[in-house]
Amino acid sequence: MNEIIAKLNEIEERADIILADAKQRREELSAQLEQEKREIDMRYDELLEEDTERFRRQLTEDANARLVQMRERTEEAARELEHICASQKEQLAEEIVGRILA
């Protein structure tokens, strides 16, 4: 009977050792996973920042290109208006004088 109790105590001691090892291993794995999670989060933040900056640069380039096009069209429209005014200046002056004298 004592032999059975001794064996049961031995089994219990081994079980305690196994449980302690499992707990230690679980804590190590938990710490490792937490570290990996932090590293993944940092890398994700870096990628997000890079994508945001790339998107911002692209938007700025697109806006600048559109501004250049708008400036060119505005300048062309102004030149056309100046040409129309110059070519019709004499005619408009005659019409104004005609209205005044009439």
N, C-alpha and C. Protein backbone atom coordinates (compact mmCIF):
# COMPACT_ATOMS: atom_id res chain seq x y z
N MET A 1 0.82 -1.18 0.00
CA MET A 1 0.00 0.00 0.00
C MET A 1 0.87 1.26 0.00
N ASN A 2 1.94 1.21 0.82
CA ASN A 2 2.87 2.35 0.86
C ASN A 2 3.52 2.55 -0.50
N GLU A 3 3.76 1.45 -1.16
CA GLU A 3 4.36 1.53 -2.49
C GLU A 3 3.42 2.23 -3.46
N ILE A 4 2.16 1.98 -3.38
CA ILE A 4 1.16 2.61 -4.25
C ILE A 4 1.10 4.10 -3.93
N ILE A 5 1.10 4.45 -2.66
CA ILE A 5 1.06 5.85 -2.25
C ILE A 5 2.33 6.56 -2.73
N ALA A 6 3.46 5.90 -2.62
CA ALA A 6 4.72 6.48 -3.07
C ALA A 6 4.68 6.73 -4.58
N LYS A 7 4.16 5.73 -5.31
CA LYS A 7 4.04 5.89 -6.77
C LYS A 7 3.08 7.04 -7.12
N LEU A 8 1.96 7.12 -6.38
CA LEU A 8 1.01 8.20 -6.62
C LEU A 8 1.65 9.56 -6.32
N ASN A 9 2.44 9.63 -5.24
CA ASN A 9 3.15 10.87 -4.91
C ASN A 9 4.15 11.22 -6.01
N GLU A 10 4.83 10.21 -6.50
CA GLU A 10 5.80 10.41 -7.59
C GLU A 10 5.09 10.91 -8.85
N ILE A 11 3.95 10.32 -9.15
CA ILE A 11 3.16 10.74 -10.31
C ILE A 11 2.68 12.18 -10.12
N GLU A 12 2.25 12.50 -8.91
CA GLU A 12 1.78 13.84 -8.62
C GLU A 12 2.92 14.85 -8.76
N GLU A 13 4.11 14.48 -8.27
CA GLU A 13 5.28 15.37 -8.39
C GLU A 13 5.63 15.59 -9.86
N ARG A 14 5.60 14.52 -10.65
CA ARG A 14 5.87 14.65 -12.08
C ARG A 14 4.82 15.52 -12.76
N ALA A 15 3.57 15.32 -12.36
CA ALA A 15 2.48 16.13 -12.93
C ALA A 15 2.69 17.60 -12.58
N ASP A 16 3.09 17.88 -11.33
CA ASP A 16 3.36 19.26 -10.92
C ASP A 16 4.50 19.86 -11.75
N ILE A 17 5.54 19.06 -11.97
CA ILE A 17 6.67 19.53 -12.79
C ILE A 17 6.22 19.80 -14.22
N ILE A 18 5.43 18.89 -14.77
CA ILE A 18 4.92 19.05 -16.13
C ILE A 18 4.04 20.30 -16.22
N LEU A 19 3.17 20.49 -15.22
CA LEU A 19 2.31 21.67 -15.21
C LEU A 19 3.12 22.96 -15.06
N ALA A 20 4.16 22.92 -14.21
CA ALA A 20 5.02 24.10 -14.03
C ALA A 20 5.75 24.42 -15.33
N ASP A 21 6.27 23.37 -15.99
CA ASP A 21 6.94 23.56 -17.28
C ASP A 21 5.97 24.11 -18.33
N ALA A 22 4.76 23.57 -18.35
CA ALA A 22 3.76 24.02 -19.31
C ALA A 22 3.41 25.49 -19.04
N LYS A 23 3.28 25.85 -17.77
CA LYS A 23 2.97 27.24 -17.42
C LYS A 23 4.11 28.16 -17.86
N GLN A 24 5.35 27.74 -17.59
CA GLN A 24 6.51 28.53 -17.99
C GLN A 24 6.56 28.67 -19.50
N ARG A 25 6.34 27.59 -20.20
CA ARG A 25 6.35 27.61 -21.67
C ARG A 25 5.23 28.51 -22.20
N ARG A 26 4.06 28.44 -21.59
CA ARG A 26 2.94 29.28 -22.00
C ARG A 26 3.29 30.75 -21.81
N GLU A 27 3.92 31.08 -20.69
CA GLU A 27 4.32 32.47 -20.43
C GLU A 27 5.36 32.94 -21.44
N GLU A 28 6.30 32.06 -21.79
CA GLU A 28 7.31 32.40 -22.79
C GLU A 28 6.67 32.63 -24.15
N LEU A 29 5.77 31.73 -24.52
CA LEU A 29 5.08 31.87 -25.80
C LEU A 29 4.22 33.13 -25.82
N SER A 30 3.58 33.42 -24.72
CA SER A 30 2.76 34.62 -24.63
C SER A 30 3.62 35.87 -24.80
N ALA A 31 4.76 35.89 -24.15
CA ALA A 31 5.68 37.03 -24.29
C ALA A 31 6.19 37.14 -25.72
N GLN A 32 6.52 36.00 -26.32
CA GLN A 32 7.00 35.98 -27.70
C GLN A 32 5.91 36.49 -28.65
N LEU A 33 4.69 36.02 -28.45
CA LEU A 33 3.59 36.46 -29.30
C LEU A 33 3.34 37.96 -29.13
N GLU A 34 3.44 38.45 -27.92
CA GLU A 34 3.25 39.88 -27.67
C GLU A 34 4.33 40.69 -28.39
N GLN A 35 5.56 40.21 -28.33
CA GLN A 35 6.66 40.90 -29.03
C GLN A 35 6.42 40.89 -30.54
N GLU A 36 6.03 39.74 -31.08
CA GLU A 36 5.75 39.64 -32.52
C GLU A 36 4.59 40.56 -32.90
N LYS A 37 3.59 40.64 -32.04
CA LYS A 37 2.44 41.52 -32.30
C LYS A 37 2.90 42.98 -32.35
N ARG A 38 3.75 43.39 -31.41
CA ARG A 38 4.28 44.75 -31.42
C ARG A 38 5.05 45.03 -32.70
N GLU A 39 5.87 44.06 -33.12
CA GLU A 39 6.66 44.23 -34.34
C GLU A 39 5.76 44.32 -35.57
N ILE A 40 4.73 43.51 -35.62
CA ILE A 40 3.78 43.56 -36.73
C ILE A 40 3.05 44.90 -36.74
N ASP A 41 2.63 45.35 -35.56
CA ASP A 41 1.95 46.64 -35.47
C ASP A 41 2.86 47.78 -35.93
N MET A 42 4.13 47.73 -35.53
CA MET A 42 5.07 48.76 -35.96
C MET A 42 5.25 48.73 -37.47
N ARG A 43 5.39 47.54 -38.02
CA ARG A 43 5.58 47.42 -39.49
C ARG A 43 4.33 47.89 -40.22
N TYR A 44 3.16 47.55 -39.69
CA TYR A 44 1.91 48.01 -40.29
C TYR A 44 1.84 49.54 -40.26
N ASP A 45 2.22 50.14 -39.14
CA ASP A 45 2.22 51.60 -39.03
C ASP A 45 3.18 52.22 -40.05
N GLU A 46 4.36 51.60 -40.22
CA GLU A 46 5.33 52.09 -41.20
C GLU A 46 4.75 52.02 -42.61
N LEU A 47 4.15 50.87 -42.93
CA LEU A 47 3.57 50.72 -44.27
C LEU A 47 2.43 51.71 -44.49
N LEU A 48 1.62 51.90 -43.47
CA LEU A 48 0.52 52.85 -43.58
C LEU A 48 1.05 54.26 -43.81
N GLU A 49 2.09 54.62 -43.09
CA GLU A 49 2.68 55.95 -43.25
C GLU A 49 3.28 56.11 -44.65
N GLU A 50 3.96 55.06 -45.14
CA GLU A 50 4.52 55.11 -46.50
C GLU A 50 3.42 55.26 -47.54
N ASP A 51 2.35 54.48 -47.39
CA ASP A 51 1.23 54.56 -48.34
C ASP A 51 0.57 55.93 -48.28
N THR A 52 0.40 56.46 -47.08
CA THR A 52 -0.21 57.78 -46.92
C THR A 52 0.64 58.84 -47.59
N GLU A 53 1.95 58.78 -47.38
CA GLU A 53 2.85 59.76 -47.99
C GLU A 53 2.85 59.63 -49.52
N ARG A 54 2.85 58.40 -50.01
CA ARG A 54 2.80 58.17 -51.45
C ARG A 54 1.50 58.72 -52.03
N PHE A 55 0.39 58.49 -51.34
CA PHE A 55 -0.90 58.99 -51.79
C PHE A 55 -0.92 60.52 -51.77
N ARG A 56 -0.37 61.12 -50.73
CA ARG A 56 -0.31 62.58 -50.61
C ARG A 56 0.53 63.17 -51.75
N ARG A 57 1.68 62.55 -52.03
CA ARG A 57 2.53 63.03 -53.14
C ARG A 57 1.79 62.95 -54.47
N GLN A 58 1.10 61.83 -54.69
CA GLN A 58 0.36 61.65 -55.94
C GLN A 58 -0.74 62.70 -56.07
N LEU A 59 -1.47 62.95 -54.98
CA LEU A 59 -2.51 63.97 -55.02
C LEU A 59 -1.93 65.35 -55.30
N THR A 60 -0.80 65.65 -54.70
CA THR A 60 -0.15 66.94 -54.93
C THR A 60 0.29 67.07 -56.37
N GLU A 61 0.88 66.02 -56.92
CA GLU A 61 1.31 66.05 -58.32
C GLU A 61 0.11 66.22 -59.24
N ASP A 62 -0.97 65.49 -58.97
CA ASP A 62 -2.18 65.61 -59.79
C ASP A 62 -2.76 67.02 -59.71
N ALA A 63 -2.80 67.57 -58.51
CA ALA A 63 -3.35 68.92 -58.33
C ALA A 63 -2.48 69.94 -59.06
N ASN A 64 -1.17 69.79 -58.96
CA ASN A 64 -0.27 70.72 -59.65
C ASN A 64 -0.44 70.62 -61.16
N ALA A 65 -0.59 69.41 -61.67
CA ALA A 65 -0.79 69.23 -63.11
C ALA A 65 -2.10 69.89 -63.55
N ARG A 66 -3.14 69.71 -62.75
CA ARG A 66 -4.42 70.35 -63.08
C ARG A 66 -4.33 71.86 -63.01
N LEU A 67 -3.58 72.37 -62.04
CA LEU A 67 -3.40 73.83 -61.95
C LEU A 67 -2.67 74.37 -63.17
N VAL A 68 -1.66 73.65 -63.63
CA VAL A 68 -0.93 74.07 -64.82
C VAL A 68 -1.88 74.10 -66.02
N GLN A 69 -2.68 73.06 -66.17
CA GLN A 69 -3.64 73.02 -67.28
C GLN A 69 -4.64 74.17 -67.18
N MET A 70 -5.15 74.41 -65.98
CA MET A 70 -6.12 75.49 -65.80
C MET A 70 -5.47 76.84 -66.10
N ARG A 71 -4.22 77.02 -65.66
CA ARG A 71 -3.52 78.28 -65.92
C ARG A 71 -3.33 78.48 -67.42
N GLU A 72 -2.95 77.41 -68.11
CA GLU A 72 -2.77 77.50 -69.56
C GLU A 72 -4.08 77.84 -70.26
N ARG A 73 -5.17 77.19 -69.85
CA ARG A 73 -6.47 77.49 -70.46
C ARG A 73 -6.92 78.91 -70.15
N THR A 74 -6.67 79.37 -68.94
CA THR A 74 -7.04 80.73 -68.56
C THR A 74 -6.25 81.75 -69.38
N GLU A 75 -4.95 81.49 -69.51
CA GLU A 75 -4.12 82.39 -70.31
C GLU A 75 -4.57 82.41 -71.77
N GLU A 76 -4.90 81.25 -72.31
CA GLU A 76 -5.39 81.17 -73.69
C GLU A 76 -6.71 81.94 -73.84
N ALA A 77 -7.61 81.78 -72.88
CA ALA A 77 -8.89 82.50 -72.93
C ALA A 77 -8.66 84.00 -72.84
N ALA A 78 -7.72 84.42 -72.00
CA ALA A 78 -7.41 85.85 -71.88
C ALA A 78 -6.84 86.38 -73.19
N ARG A 79 -5.96 85.61 -73.82
CA ARG A 79 -5.41 86.04 -75.12
C ARG A 79 -6.52 86.15 -76.16
N GLU A 80 -7.44 85.19 -76.17
CA GLU A 80 -8.55 85.24 -77.12
C GLU A 80 -9.43 86.47 -76.88
N LEU A 81 -9.70 86.76 -75.61
CA LEU A 81 -10.50 87.95 -75.28
C LEU A 81 -9.77 89.23 -75.70
N GLU A 82 -8.48 89.28 -75.46
CA GLU A 82 -7.70 90.45 -75.88
C GLU A 82 -7.75 90.61 -77.40
N HIS A 83 -7.65 89.51 -78.12
CA HIS A 83 -7.70 89.54 -79.57
C HIS A 83 -9.07 90.03 -80.05
N ILE A 84 -10.11 89.49 -79.43
CA ILE A 84 -11.48 89.91 -79.80
C ILE A 84 -11.66 91.39 -79.51
N CYS A 85 -11.22 91.84 -78.35
CA CYS A 85 -11.34 93.25 -78.00
C CYS A 85 -10.55 94.12 -78.97
N ALA A 86 -9.33 93.70 -79.29
CA ALA A 86 -8.50 94.49 -80.20
C ALA A 86 -9.12 94.56 -81.59
N SER A 87 -9.65 93.43 -82.06
CA SER A 87 -10.22 93.41 -83.41
C SER A 87 -11.56 94.13 -83.48
N GLN A 88 -12.28 94.15 -82.38
CA GLN A 88 -13.61 94.77 -82.39
C GLN A 88 -13.60 96.15 -81.72
N LYS A 89 -12.45 96.58 -81.28
CA LYS A 89 -12.34 97.85 -80.58
C LYS A 89 -12.84 99.00 -81.45
N GLU A 90 -12.37 99.01 -82.67
CA GLU A 90 -12.76 100.09 -83.59
C GLU A 90 -14.26 100.06 -83.84
N GLN A 91 -14.78 98.88 -84.08
CA GLN A 91 -16.22 98.75 -84.35
C GLN A 91 -17.04 99.18 -83.13
N LEU A 92 -16.63 98.76 -81.94
CA LEU A 92 -17.35 99.12 -80.72
C LEU A 92 -17.28 100.62 -80.48
N ALA A 93 -16.14 101.22 -80.76
CA ALA A 93 -15.99 102.66 -80.58
C ALA A 93 -16.94 103.39 -81.51
N GLU A 94 -17.03 102.93 -82.75
CA GLU A 94 -17.93 103.56 -83.72
C GLU A 94 -19.38 103.41 -83.29
N GLU A 95 -19.75 102.24 -82.75
CA GLU A 95 -21.13 102.03 -82.29
C GLU A 95 -21.43 102.97 -81.12
N ILE A 96 -20.50 103.12 -80.20
CA ILE A 96 -20.71 104.00 -79.04
C ILE A 96 -20.87 105.44 -79.51
N VAL A 97 -20.00 105.86 -80.41
CA VAL A 97 -20.08 107.23 -80.92
C VAL A 97 -21.41 107.41 -81.65
N GLY A 98 -21.79 106.41 -82.42
CA GLY A 98 -23.07 106.48 -83.15
C GLY A 98 -24.26 106.60 -82.21
N ARG A 99 -24.23 105.91 -81.13
CA ARG A 99 -25.32 105.97 -80.14
C ARG A 99 -25.35 107.33 -79.44
N ILE A 100 -24.18 107.83 -79.18
CA ILE A 100 -24.11 109.12 -78.50
C ILE A 100 -24.65 110.22 -79.42
N LEU A 101 -24.30 110.18 -80.68
CA LEU A 101 -24.70 111.20 -81.63
C LEU A 101 -26.14 111.04 -82.10
N ALA A 102 -26.69 109.86 -81.91
CA ALA A 102 -28.06 109.63 -82.39
C ALA A 102 -29.10 110.17 -81.48
